[in-house]
Amino acid sequence: MSKKNMDKLSIFALGGVGEIGKNMYCVQYANDIVVIDSGLKFPEEDMLGIDIVIPDIGYLVENRDKVRGILITHGHEDHIGGLPYVLRQLNVPVYGTRLTLGLIEGKLKEAGLLGETKRILITSDSEVQMGCMKATFFKTNHSIPDSVGVCLETPEGLVVHTGDFKFDHTPVNEQYADLQRMAEIGSRGVLALLSDSTNAEKAGFTPSESVVGKELEEVFRKAKQRVVVATFASNVHRIQQVIDAAVATRRKMTVIGRSMVNVVSIASELGYLHIPDGMLIEPEEVNKLAADRVVILSTGSQGEPMSALTRMARSTHRKMDILPGDTVVIAATPIPGNERYVGRTVDELFRIGADVIYGPGSVTGVHVSGHGSQEELKLMINLMRPKYFIPVHGEYRMLRQHGLLAESVGIDKENVFIVDIGETIEVQNGVARKGSKVPSGNVLIDGLGVGDVGNIVLRDRKLLSQDGILVVVVTLSKQDGAILSGPDIISRGFVYVRESEGLLDEANRIVTSTLHRLMSENVNEWASLKTHVKDALGRFLYEQTRRRPMILPIIMEV
């Protein structure tokens, strides 16, 4: 039997499928693994205290000798943000286009990994041999320059990953999507297509980024005072549109927000942003200019609590304030789950007296998506004509809708695979089926801790945030088990002690009687004593308050 017949191709996600954000897809054949993207996602509401979430790469670490490298499709945070954490455990080459590598290098420098990470520049014309697989690339449109899709030539056939894309026929940087290359790939026969599903629920076409520039210029002309524009720091095209509108209306621009400052610096240094000499000013210089001659470019389009816009809205920013009559433009759509934070920031801005332009881009005209809508998704499928279709990047409902779109343009229903994180699609002799799962999941980053906060710790944090904690301190005699001091009950986040003396006195009595009963029954193991105290006190407190605080007994012997 030939080696081809024995080996199989596996396609799987360690992050990204079923969740917006965190992206990491893997293609494996025999002893070779190619990784596409290495992103992060921001924590959900029930992930108390967690800073970011990255994919669990345990499978890749176990198979580190097989990993040939990480291909990065573009420089957005949800595609490169996990690299500093991944590369600490998996020192493999990273491939990216010029701007993408520039943004990655900034992250690696902060993490102290720049010197030890091999970074390889690619273009849309590059060919990279990765074990038995060869990677080629094609230009796409997205909300950041230098975006590419990936075509992997495997022994089983071509596997194409689109990256995030739209079809913008009038891109602001004149980097046109390479439809001819896509069609050429499709003509060779594509085994499997992994395609961006973010806008699979939206009918029609996504408007061109160029329409935003005209709307921004109109907003700038009408504004009688300063203009504040908040957008994603990595949306380099949008930043260029803000610069162009500022130039057209003779305004100077200042940049605030750490991530925005970093991106503007890197993108302008590499030639992806064109800023006229003398246009950029320091935040301290803003008040020296007439109000109608200033634009402030800021982070905070998602209402993040520590972002520049949110702090300005609360008048807690060190260098900048929003003044009554200023115009604030939120040039982004809230990521699902962030609507409440954005709404809160907008409320604060209105309280100050600012004029706020926010809401769907179709209404305000100051935002368009970087992802293709249904007609563009159909076009990608028709260009590639894959045998098997795997929708990626999106919530489950988006993946499902994208699968239906594929069926509507002729992909057989049984050849559409919607998979969850860790599930594999295995292809052998040209036939695909769902295979076994690989270890996968979320790794939670809390401060400097990577993966040391799990479900049990999160459960405890949730309990503490809901019902608080009671600490019961008792000192027992080592000779006869008599209570020498206590019980002392300390409440934090449960009840206010001065207003609940009766409740706590009764709780004290229950702890004392429970301990006396246990001593009379010759129960003196600490674990048993603590368990009985927790159970008795927990029942009483729930009966009285309908709350279940965390109860922490501390028993000492002297």
Protein backbone atom coordinates (compact mmCIF):
# COMPACT_ATOMS: atom_id res chain seq x y z
CA MET A 1 0.00 0.00 0.00
CA SER A 2 1.36 3.44 -0.92
CA LYS A 3 2.16 6.02 1.75
CA LYS A 4 -0.59 8.29 0.42
CA ASN A 5 -3.20 5.62 1.05
CA MET A 6 -1.94 5.04 4.60
CA ASP A 7 -1.70 8.67 5.72
CA LYS A 8 -4.57 11.09 6.09
CA LEU A 9 -5.03 14.84 6.04
CA SER A 10 -6.49 16.44 9.18
CA ILE A 11 -7.97 19.93 9.40
CA PHE A 12 -8.93 21.28 12.82
CA ALA A 13 -9.22 24.43 14.92
CA LEU A 14 -7.65 25.04 18.31
CA GLY A 15 -9.53 28.35 18.46
CA GLY A 16 -11.98 30.38 16.42
CA VAL A 17 -14.72 28.02 15.28
CA GLY A 18 -17.92 28.86 17.12
CA GLU A 19 -16.44 32.01 18.66
CA ILE A 20 -15.65 35.42 17.29
CA GLY A 21 -12.09 36.38 18.13
CA LYS A 22 -9.47 33.80 18.92
CA ASN A 23 -8.26 32.15 15.72
CA MET A 24 -5.91 29.21 15.19
CA TYR A 25 -6.40 26.61 12.47
CA CYS A 26 -4.17 23.63 11.79
CA VAL A 27 -3.61 21.42 8.75
CA GLN A 28 -1.74 18.16 9.40
CA TYR A 29 -0.50 15.47 7.06
CA ALA A 30 1.67 12.62 8.39
CA ASN A 31 4.53 14.28 10.33
CA ASP A 32 3.88 17.86 9.20
CA ILE A 33 1.62 20.46 10.86
CA VAL A 34 1.00 23.94 9.46
CA VAL A 35 -0.66 26.50 11.76
CA ILE A 36 -2.69 29.40 10.33
CA ASP A 37 -3.07 32.46 12.61
CA SER A 38 -2.59 32.69 16.35
CA GLY A 39 -5.15 35.03 17.84
CA LEU A 40 -6.83 35.82 21.11
CA LYS A 41 -10.27 36.80 22.26
CA PHE A 42 -11.41 39.09 25.01
CA PRO A 43 -13.09 37.59 28.08
CA GLU A 44 -16.82 37.03 28.38
CA GLU A 45 -18.77 38.55 31.27
CA ASP A 46 -18.55 35.41 33.44
CA MET A 47 -14.73 35.29 33.16
CA LEU A 48 -14.19 37.49 36.18
CA GLY A 49 -10.75 39.08 36.40
CA ILE A 50 -9.52 37.48 33.17
CA ASP A 51 -7.59 39.76 30.80
CA ILE A 52 -7.55 37.73 27.58
CA VAL A 53 -8.22 34.20 26.33
CA ILE A 54 -5.94 32.22 24.01
CA PRO A 55 -6.25 28.76 22.46
CA ASP A 56 -4.98 25.70 24.30
CA ILE A 57 -1.96 24.58 22.25
CA GLY A 58 -1.24 21.42 24.26
CA TYR A 59 -1.60 19.28 21.11
CA LEU A 60 0.96 21.39 19.24
CA VAL A 61 3.39 21.36 22.18
CA GLU A 62 3.15 17.54 22.34
CA ASN A 63 3.86 17.42 18.60
CA ARG A 64 6.34 20.32 18.48
CA ASP A 65 8.72 18.38 16.19
CA LYS A 66 5.98 18.27 13.53
CA VAL A 67 5.04 21.97 13.56
CA ARG A 68 6.63 23.59 10.50
CA GLY A 69 5.56 27.17 11.21
CA ILE A 70 2.73 29.66 11.75
CA LEU A 71 1.26 31.48 8.74
CA ILE A 72 -0.40 34.80 9.62
CA THR A 73 -3.11 36.08 7.26
CA HIS A 74 -3.19 39.68 8.59
CA GLY A 75 -2.28 41.88 11.53
CA HIS A 76 -5.51 42.17 13.54
CA GLU A 77 -5.36 41.37 17.25
CA ASP A 78 -7.66 38.35 16.93
CA HIS A 79 -5.12 36.81 14.54
CA ILE A 80 -1.75 37.79 16.07
CA GLY A 81 -2.54 38.55 19.74
CA GLY A 82 -1.81 35.02 20.98
CA LEU A 83 1.69 34.84 19.45
CA PRO A 84 3.67 36.10 22.49
CA TYR A 85 2.10 33.34 24.62
CA VAL A 86 2.30 30.61 21.97
CA LEU A 87 5.92 31.28 20.98
CA ARG A 88 7.10 30.90 24.59
CA GLN A 89 6.07 27.24 24.36
CA LEU A 90 6.51 26.66 20.64
CA ASN A 91 9.53 28.30 19.05
CA VAL A 92 8.69 27.93 15.35
CA PRO A 93 9.04 30.30 12.37
CA VAL A 94 6.35 32.95 11.86
CA TYR A 95 5.44 33.95 8.29
CA GLY A 96 3.68 37.24 7.50
CA THR A 97 3.46 40.16 5.11
CA ARG A 98 5.39 43.38 5.77
CA LEU A 99 2.85 45.28 7.88
CA THR A 100 1.76 42.10 9.65
CA LEU A 101 5.34 41.32 10.69
CA GLY A 102 5.81 44.95 11.77
CA LEU A 103 2.88 44.69 14.18
CA ILE A 104 4.01 41.24 15.36
CA GLU A 105 7.53 42.51 16.04
CA GLY A 106 6.12 45.22 18.30
CA LYS A 107 4.37 42.55 20.38
CA LEU A 108 7.39 40.25 20.48
CA LYS A 109 9.64 43.12 21.56
CA GLU A 110 7.35 43.85 24.53
CA ALA A 111 7.39 40.13 25.43
CA GLY A 112 11.19 39.86 25.13
CA LEU A 113 10.90 37.29 22.33
CA LEU A 114 12.06 39.33 19.33
CA GLY A 115 15.62 37.99 19.27
CA GLU A 116 14.71 34.33 19.53
CA THR A 117 11.77 34.22 17.09
CA LYS A 118 12.43 33.53 13.42
CA ARG A 119 10.29 35.88 11.31
CA ILE A 120 10.00 35.31 7.57
CA LEU A 121 8.61 37.95 5.20
CA ILE A 122 6.13 36.77 2.56
CA THR A 123 4.28 38.44 -0.30
CA SER A 124 1.34 37.29 -2.36
CA ASP A 125 3.91 35.79 -4.79
CA SER A 126 5.80 33.75 -2.17
CA GLU A 127 6.03 29.98 -2.08
CA VAL A 128 6.93 28.34 1.24
CA GLN A 129 7.76 24.63 1.54
CA MET A 130 6.52 23.34 4.90
CA GLY A 131 7.40 19.66 5.08
CA CYS A 132 5.30 17.79 2.54
CA MET A 133 3.02 20.83 2.08
CA LYS A 134 3.64 23.99 0.07
CA ALA A 135 2.02 27.31 0.97
CA THR A 136 1.18 29.99 -1.59
CA PHE A 137 -0.81 33.18 -1.03
CA PHE A 138 -3.32 35.51 -2.69
CA LYS A 139 -4.22 39.17 -2.00
CA THR A 140 -7.52 39.92 -0.26
CA ASN A 141 -9.29 43.08 0.92
CA HIS A 142 -9.85 43.65 4.61
CA SER A 143 -9.80 46.61 7.01
CA ILE A 144 -6.01 46.38 7.33
CA PRO A 145 -3.43 46.41 4.50
CA ASP A 146 -1.37 43.39 3.46
CA SER A 147 -4.12 40.83 4.09
CA VAL A 148 -3.68 37.50 2.31
CA GLY A 149 -5.45 34.19 1.92
CA VAL A 150 -3.51 30.92 2.12
CA CYS A 151 -3.45 28.01 -0.34
CA LEU A 152 -1.83 24.84 0.99
CA GLU A 153 -0.82 22.18 -1.51
CA THR A 154 -1.12 18.88 0.37
CA PRO A 155 -0.73 15.27 -0.85
CA GLU A 156 -4.56 15.02 -0.71
CA GLY A 157 -5.23 18.24 -2.65
CA LEU A 158 -5.49 22.01 -2.19
CA VAL A 159 -6.71 23.42 1.15
CA VAL A 160 -7.59 27.14 0.99
CA HIS A 161 -8.02 29.43 4.01
CA THR A 162 -9.43 32.84 3.02
CA GLY A 163 -8.45 34.76 6.16
CA ASP A 164 -10.82 37.65 6.87
CA PHE A 165 -11.93 39.20 3.59
CA LYS A 166 -14.34 41.32 1.59
CA PHE A 167 -14.34 42.30 -2.08
CA ASP A 168 -13.65 46.04 -2.18
CA HIS A 169 -13.43 47.23 -5.80
CA THR A 170 -12.31 50.75 -4.78
CA PRO A 171 -9.91 50.10 -1.87
CA VAL A 172 -8.40 53.19 -0.25
CA ASN A 173 -4.84 51.85 -0.62
CA GLU A 174 -5.37 50.55 -4.18
CA GLN A 175 -4.48 47.02 -3.05
CA TYR A 176 -7.01 45.08 -5.08
CA ALA A 177 -8.12 41.54 -4.28
CA ASP A 178 -6.48 39.13 -6.71
CA LEU A 179 -9.58 37.56 -8.26
CA GLN A 180 -7.51 36.15 -11.10
CA ARG A 181 -5.27 34.23 -8.67
CA MET A 182 -8.33 32.96 -6.79
CA ALA A 183 -9.94 31.76 -10.01
CA GLU A 184 -6.68 30.09 -11.03
CA ILE A 185 -6.54 28.24 -7.71
CA GLY A 186 -10.16 27.19 -8.21
CA SER A 187 -9.40 25.91 -11.73
CA ARG A 188 -6.77 23.56 -10.27
CA GLY A 189 -9.40 21.94 -8.05
CA VAL A 190 -9.80 22.86 -4.38
CA LEU A 191 -10.25 19.99 -1.94
CA ALA A 192 -11.43 22.10 1.02
CA LEU A 193 -12.26 25.79 1.49
CA LEU A 194 -12.16 27.41 4.94
CA SER A 195 -13.98 30.74 4.55
CA ASP A 196 -14.72 33.76 6.77
CA SER A 197 -18.32 33.65 8.10
CA THR A 198 -18.49 36.89 10.12
CA ASN A 199 -21.09 38.59 7.89
CA ALA A 200 -22.85 35.46 6.66
CA GLU A 201 -26.15 36.78 8.04
CA LYS A 202 -25.96 40.07 6.11
CA ALA A 203 -27.56 40.20 2.66
CA GLY A 204 -25.99 41.90 -0.34
CA PHE A 205 -22.49 43.39 -0.55
CA THR A 206 -20.39 45.17 2.08
CA PRO A 207 -19.81 48.82 1.00
CA SER A 208 -16.35 50.01 0.06
CA GLU A 209 -14.16 51.60 2.73
CA SER A 210 -13.79 54.59 0.39
CA VAL A 211 -17.38 55.74 1.12
CA VAL A 212 -16.40 56.33 4.76
CA GLY A 213 -13.85 58.99 3.79
CA LYS A 214 -16.46 61.22 2.16
CA GLU A 215 -18.75 60.96 5.18
CA LEU A 216 -15.93 61.70 7.63
CA GLU A 217 -14.91 64.77 5.63
CA GLU A 218 -18.50 66.04 5.76
CA VAL A 219 -18.62 65.51 9.55
CA PHE A 220 -15.32 67.37 9.97
CA ARG A 221 -16.57 70.33 7.89
CA LYS A 222 -19.79 70.67 9.90
CA ALA A 223 -18.13 70.34 13.33
CA LYS A 224 -17.72 73.74 14.97
CA GLN A 225 -15.26 72.52 17.58
CA ARG A 226 -12.87 69.60 18.04
CA VAL A 227 -13.58 66.22 16.46
CA VAL A 228 -12.78 63.00 18.32
CA VAL A 229 -12.74 59.81 16.22
CA ALA A 230 -12.67 56.42 17.96
CA THR A 231 -11.98 53.32 15.90
CA PHE A 232 -10.07 50.04 16.08
CA ALA A 233 -6.37 50.75 16.38
CA SER A 234 -5.52 48.13 13.75
CA ASN A 235 -7.97 49.51 11.17
CA VAL A 236 -5.21 51.22 9.21
CA HIS A 237 -7.51 52.06 6.28
CA ARG A 238 -9.88 53.93 8.60
CA ILE A 239 -6.99 55.82 10.17
CA GLN A 240 -5.87 56.92 6.70
CA GLN A 241 -9.40 58.14 5.98
CA VAL A 242 -9.32 60.22 9.18
CA ILE A 243 -5.95 61.69 8.15
CA ASP A 244 -7.24 62.54 4.67
CA ALA A 245 -10.39 64.18 6.07
CA ALA A 246 -8.28 66.19 8.52
CA VAL A 247 -6.01 67.38 5.69
CA ALA A 248 -9.02 68.36 3.57
CA THR A 249 -10.50 70.42 6.41
CA ARG A 250 -7.17 71.94 7.55
CA ARG A 251 -7.13 70.29 10.97
CA LYS A 252 -4.12 69.06 12.94
CA MET A 253 -4.30 65.56 14.47
CA THR A 254 -3.20 64.06 17.75
CA VAL A 255 -3.24 60.38 18.64
CA ILE A 256 -4.11 58.99 22.08
CA GLY A 257 -4.40 55.45 23.37
CA ARG A 258 -1.35 53.17 23.63
CA SER A 259 -2.36 50.68 20.93
CA MET A 260 -3.35 53.49 18.54
CA VAL A 261 -0.03 55.27 19.04
CA ASN A 262 1.84 52.00 18.38
CA VAL A 263 -0.07 51.17 15.18
CA VAL A 264 0.20 54.70 13.77
CA SER A 265 3.93 54.70 14.49
CA ILE A 266 4.58 51.27 12.90
CA ALA A 267 2.26 51.77 9.90
CA SER A 268 3.65 55.21 9.05
CA GLU A 269 7.24 54.01 9.49
CA LEU A 270 6.58 51.17 7.02
CA GLY A 271 4.81 53.46 4.55
CA TYR A 272 1.25 52.16 5.04
CA LEU A 273 0.03 55.48 6.46
CA HIS A 274 0.71 58.75 4.68
CA ILE A 275 0.80 61.64 7.16
CA PRO A 276 1.87 65.10 5.89
CA ASP A 277 4.81 66.69 7.68
CA GLY A 278 3.78 68.85 10.59
CA MET A 279 0.26 67.48 10.79
CA LEU A 280 0.73 65.34 13.92
CA ILE A 281 0.81 67.21 17.21
CA GLU A 282 1.31 66.12 20.80
CA PRO A 283 -1.77 65.90 23.07
CA GLU A 284 -0.36 68.76 25.17
CA GLU A 285 -0.52 71.08 22.13
CA VAL A 286 -4.26 70.59 21.49
CA ASN A 287 -5.40 73.41 23.75
CA LYS A 288 -3.03 75.85 22.03
CA LEU A 289 -4.96 75.57 18.76
CA ALA A 290 -8.43 76.79 17.81
CA ALA A 291 -11.03 74.12 18.59
CA ASP A 292 -12.13 73.87 14.96
CA ARG A 293 -8.58 73.05 13.86
CA VAL A 294 -8.09 69.80 15.82
CA VAL A 295 -8.86 66.09 15.34
CA ILE A 296 -8.25 63.61 18.14
CA LEU A 297 -7.77 59.98 17.01
CA SER A 298 -8.52 57.64 19.89
CA THR A 299 -8.99 54.05 20.99
CA GLY A 300 -12.21 53.04 22.77
CA SER A 301 -14.70 52.25 20.00
CA GLN A 302 -15.84 49.19 22.01
CA GLY A 303 -16.37 51.08 25.28
CA GLU A 304 -13.46 49.32 26.97
CA PRO A 305 -13.29 50.60 30.59
CA MET A 306 -9.60 51.63 30.42
CA SER A 307 -9.58 52.93 26.84
CA ALA A 308 -8.80 56.56 26.00
CA LEU A 309 -12.34 57.46 24.89
CA THR A 310 -13.99 55.96 27.98
CA ARG A 311 -11.58 57.80 30.29
CA MET A 312 -12.18 61.07 28.44
CA ALA A 313 -15.94 60.50 28.77
CA ARG A 314 -15.48 60.12 32.52
CA SER A 315 -13.06 63.08 32.74
CA THR A 316 -10.33 60.80 34.13
CA HIS A 317 -7.87 61.01 31.22
CA ARG A 318 -4.56 62.61 32.21
CA LYS A 319 -4.06 64.63 29.04
CA MET A 320 -7.41 65.16 27.34
CA ASP A 321 -11.01 66.13 28.14
CA ILE A 322 -14.16 66.12 26.03
CA LEU A 323 -15.74 69.58 26.04
CA PRO A 324 -19.38 70.59 25.45
CA GLY A 325 -19.89 71.06 21.71
CA ASP A 326 -17.12 68.63 20.66
CA THR A 327 -18.12 66.08 18.01
CA VAL A 328 -17.36 62.44 18.86
CA VAL A 329 -17.45 59.87 16.04
CA ILE A 330 -17.51 56.18 17.00
CA ALA A 331 -16.41 54.66 13.71
CA ALA A 332 -17.00 51.00 14.52
CA THR A 333 -19.81 48.54 15.20
CA PRO A 334 -19.87 46.99 18.70
CA ILE A 335 -18.57 43.43 18.83
CA PRO A 336 -21.39 41.16 20.11
CA GLY A 337 -21.39 41.48 23.91
CA ASN A 338 -19.89 44.99 23.95
CA GLU A 339 -23.12 46.89 23.23
CA ARG A 340 -23.68 47.71 26.90
CA TYR A 341 -20.18 49.18 27.32
CA VAL A 342 -20.51 51.29 24.18
CA GLY A 343 -23.96 52.50 25.29
CA ARG A 344 -22.58 53.52 28.67
CA THR A 345 -19.78 55.54 27.05
CA VAL A 346 -22.22 57.23 24.66
CA ASP A 347 -24.42 58.21 27.62
CA GLU A 348 -21.44 59.78 29.40
CA LEU A 349 -20.49 61.73 26.27
CA PHE A 350 -24.01 63.10 25.90
CA ARG A 351 -23.99 64.12 29.59
CA ILE A 352 -20.88 66.21 28.93
CA GLY A 353 -22.67 67.95 26.06
CA ALA A 354 -20.83 66.39 23.13
CA ASP A 355 -22.45 65.65 19.77
CA VAL A 356 -22.07 61.88 19.29
CA ILE A 357 -22.26 60.06 15.97
CA TYR A 358 -22.64 56.34 16.66
CA GLY A 359 -24.65 53.31 15.65
CA PRO A 360 -24.75 51.06 12.57
CA GLY A 361 -22.53 52.20 9.72
CA SER A 362 -25.46 51.89 7.32
CA VAL A 363 -27.12 54.75 9.25
CA THR A 364 -24.18 56.98 10.16
CA GLY A 365 -22.00 56.34 7.10
CA VAL A 366 -18.83 56.51 9.25
CA HIS A 367 -18.21 52.76 9.37
CA VAL A 368 -18.24 49.82 6.99
CA SER A 369 -17.35 46.25 7.84
CA GLY A 370 -14.10 44.63 6.80
CA HIS A 371 -15.91 41.35 6.18
CA GLY A 372 -17.78 40.26 3.07
CA SER A 373 -21.57 39.93 3.10
CA GLN A 374 -23.57 37.10 1.54
CA GLU A 375 -23.00 37.94 -2.14
CA GLU A 376 -19.23 38.21 -1.58
CA LEU A 377 -19.17 34.92 0.31
CA LYS A 378 -20.96 33.28 -2.62
CA LEU A 379 -18.43 34.82 -5.02
CA MET A 380 -15.52 33.34 -3.04
CA ILE A 381 -17.13 29.90 -3.13
CA ASN A 382 -17.78 30.20 -6.87
CA LEU A 383 -14.19 31.28 -7.53
CA MET A 384 -12.77 28.35 -5.55
CA ARG A 385 -15.40 25.67 -6.36
CA PRO A 386 -14.28 23.44 -3.46
CA LYS A 387 -15.28 19.81 -3.04
CA TYR A 388 -15.63 20.31 0.72
CA PHE A 389 -16.63 23.51 2.52
CA ILE A 390 -15.76 24.46 6.11
CA PRO A 391 -17.19 27.80 7.34
CA VAL A 392 -14.91 29.45 9.93
CA HIS A 393 -14.62 32.69 11.98
CA GLY A 394 -17.96 33.34 13.59
CA GLU A 395 -20.67 32.34 16.02
CA TYR A 396 -22.42 29.05 15.32
CA ARG A 397 -25.43 30.74 13.71
CA MET A 398 -23.08 32.48 11.26
CA LEU A 399 -21.33 29.23 10.39
CA ARG A 400 -24.71 27.59 9.83
CA GLN A 401 -25.89 30.41 7.57
CA HIS A 402 -22.64 30.27 5.61
CA GLY A 403 -23.15 26.53 5.13
CA LEU A 404 -26.61 27.22 3.68
CA LEU A 405 -25.09 29.80 1.31
CA ALA A 406 -22.62 27.17 0.11
CA GLU A 407 -25.46 24.76 -0.57
CA SER A 408 -27.32 27.48 -2.51
CA VAL A 409 -24.39 27.79 -4.95
CA GLY A 410 -24.05 24.09 -5.56
CA ILE A 411 -21.97 22.56 -2.75
CA ASP A 412 -23.45 19.19 -1.72
CA LYS A 413 -25.05 19.33 1.71
CA GLU A 414 -23.07 16.30 2.94
CA ASN A 415 -19.83 18.09 1.91
CA VAL A 416 -20.42 21.06 4.24
CA PHE A 417 -18.75 20.57 7.64
CA ILE A 418 -19.53 22.79 10.63
CA VAL A 419 -17.08 21.80 13.33
CA ASP A 420 -16.38 22.92 16.87
CA ILE A 421 -13.01 23.62 18.45
CA GLY A 422 -10.93 20.44 18.56
CA GLU A 423 -13.06 18.47 16.09
CA THR A 424 -11.13 17.24 13.06
CA ILE A 425 -12.04 16.81 9.43
CA GLU A 426 -10.04 13.85 8.13
CA VAL A 427 -9.47 13.35 4.40
CA GLN A 428 -8.13 10.08 3.04
CA ASN A 429 -7.97 9.20 -0.66
CA GLY A 430 -10.10 12.26 -1.43
CA VAL A 431 -12.94 11.35 0.96
CA ALA A 432 -13.65 13.57 3.98
CA ARG A 433 -15.37 12.69 7.23
CA LYS A 434 -15.47 13.95 10.80
CA GLY A 435 -12.61 12.38 12.76
CA SER A 436 -11.51 12.12 16.35
CA LYS A 437 -11.04 15.17 18.55
CA VAL A 438 -7.71 16.69 19.49
CA PRO A 439 -7.10 18.29 22.91
CA SER A 440 -8.32 21.89 22.78
CA GLY A 441 -10.02 24.60 24.79
CA ASN A 442 -9.39 27.99 26.36
CA VAL A 443 -6.34 29.14 28.26
CA LEU A 444 -7.15 32.09 30.50
CA ILE A 445 -4.62 34.87 31.01
CA ASP A 446 -4.88 36.70 34.35
CA GLY A 447 -2.08 39.20 34.91
CA LEU A 448 1.17 37.26 34.58
CA GLY A 449 -0.59 33.93 35.06
CA VAL A 450 -1.06 31.80 31.95
CA GLY A 451 -3.49 28.94 32.40
CA ASP A 452 -3.37 28.95 36.20
CA VAL A 453 -6.98 30.12 36.44
CA GLY A 454 -9.44 27.35 35.57
CA ASN A 455 -13.14 26.62 35.94
CA ILE A 456 -12.91 26.03 39.70
CA VAL A 457 -11.24 29.40 40.33
CA LEU A 458 -13.76 31.14 38.05
CA ARG A 459 -16.60 29.45 39.90
CA ASP A 460 -15.22 30.71 43.21
CA ARG A 461 -14.85 34.24 41.79
CA LYS A 462 -18.44 34.14 40.56
CA LEU A 463 -19.66 32.99 43.98
CA LEU A 464 -17.67 35.71 45.71
CA SER A 465 -19.04 38.35 43.33
CA GLN A 466 -22.63 37.25 43.90
CA ASP A 467 -22.95 36.44 47.61
CA GLY A 468 -19.64 37.37 49.23
CA ILE A 469 -17.65 35.46 51.84
CA LEU A 470 -17.88 34.60 55.55
CA VAL A 471 -14.71 33.65 57.40
CA VAL A 472 -15.22 31.73 60.66
CA VAL A 473 -12.17 31.66 62.97
CA VAL A 474 -12.13 29.28 65.98
CA THR A 475 -9.29 28.31 68.36
CA LEU A 476 -9.57 24.90 70.06
CA SER A 477 -7.65 23.36 72.96
CA LYS A 478 -5.32 20.58 71.86
CA GLN A 479 -5.88 18.78 75.19
CA ASP A 480 -9.66 18.52 75.45
CA GLY A 481 -11.02 20.18 72.28
CA ALA A 482 -12.66 23.00 74.20
CA ILE A 483 -13.25 26.32 72.40
CA LEU A 484 -10.61 28.75 73.68
CA SER A 485 -11.56 31.72 71.51
CA GLY A 486 -14.20 32.53 68.92
CA PRO A 487 -16.02 31.78 66.87
CA ASP A 488 -15.17 35.10 65.23
CA ILE A 489 -17.15 35.73 62.05
CA ILE A 490 -15.84 38.12 59.40
CA SER A 491 -18.19 39.15 56.58
CA ARG A 492 -17.06 40.60 53.24
CA GLY A 493 -19.61 41.25 50.52
CA PHE A 494 -22.34 39.28 52.31
CA VAL A 495 -23.97 41.51 54.93
CA TYR A 496 -23.01 44.78 56.62
CA VAL A 497 -21.94 43.71 60.11
CA ARG A 498 -23.34 46.70 62.03
CA GLU A 499 -26.80 46.18 60.55
CA SER A 500 -26.85 42.39 60.90
CA GLU A 501 -25.70 41.79 64.45
CA GLY A 502 -28.65 39.51 65.23
CA LEU A 503 -27.99 37.32 62.19
CA LEU A 504 -24.30 37.00 62.97
CA ASP A 505 -24.92 36.32 66.67
CA GLU A 506 -27.21 33.45 65.69
CA ALA A 507 -24.61 32.23 63.19
CA ASN A 508 -22.05 32.35 65.98
CA ARG A 509 -24.33 30.25 68.20
CA ILE A 510 -24.85 27.65 65.45
CA VAL A 511 -21.09 27.28 64.91
CA THR A 512 -20.53 26.88 68.67
CA SER A 513 -23.30 24.28 69.13
CA THR A 514 -22.12 22.36 66.06
CA LEU A 515 -18.57 22.17 67.40
CA HIS A 516 -19.76 21.11 70.89
CA ARG A 517 -21.88 18.34 69.36
CA LEU A 518 -18.99 17.07 67.27
CA MET A 519 -16.63 17.06 70.27
CA SER A 520 -19.15 15.08 72.30
CA GLU A 521 -19.23 12.52 69.47
CA ASN A 522 -15.39 12.40 69.45
CA VAL A 523 -15.19 13.90 65.96
CA ASN A 524 -11.89 15.80 65.97
CA GLU A 525 -10.54 15.59 62.42
CA TRP A 526 -10.18 19.11 61.04
CA ALA A 527 -11.66 18.22 57.66
CA SER A 528 -14.82 16.83 59.30
CA LEU A 529 -15.11 19.78 61.67
CA LYS A 530 -14.87 22.26 58.78
CA THR A 531 -17.37 20.37 56.61
CA HIS A 532 -19.99 20.17 59.38
CA VAL A 533 -19.55 23.86 60.26
CA LYS A 534 -19.93 24.88 56.58
CA ASP A 535 -23.03 22.72 56.12
CA ALA A 536 -24.82 23.88 59.29
CA LEU A 537 -23.99 27.54 58.77
CA GLY A 538 -24.79 27.39 55.04
CA ARG A 539 -28.29 25.96 55.70
CA PHE A 540 -29.04 28.61 58.30
CA LEU A 541 -27.85 31.54 56.17
CA TYR A 542 -29.80 30.36 53.12
CA GLU A 543 -33.00 30.02 55.20
CA GLN A 544 -32.54 33.54 56.56
CA THR A 545 -31.25 35.40 53.48
CA ARG A 546 -31.75 33.16 50.42
CA ARG A 547 -28.06 33.73 49.71
CA ARG A 548 -25.14 31.31 49.61
CA PRO A 549 -21.94 33.10 50.61
CA MET A 550 -18.64 31.28 50.43
CA ILE A 551 -17.97 29.99 53.96
CA LEU A 552 -14.32 29.60 54.93
CA PRO A 553 -13.79 27.97 58.39
CA ILE A 554 -10.35 28.46 59.93
CA ILE A 555 -9.77 26.13 62.91
CA MET A 556 -6.58 26.40 65.01
CA GLU A 557 -5.31 24.30 67.91
CA VAL A 558 -3.20 25.56 70.82
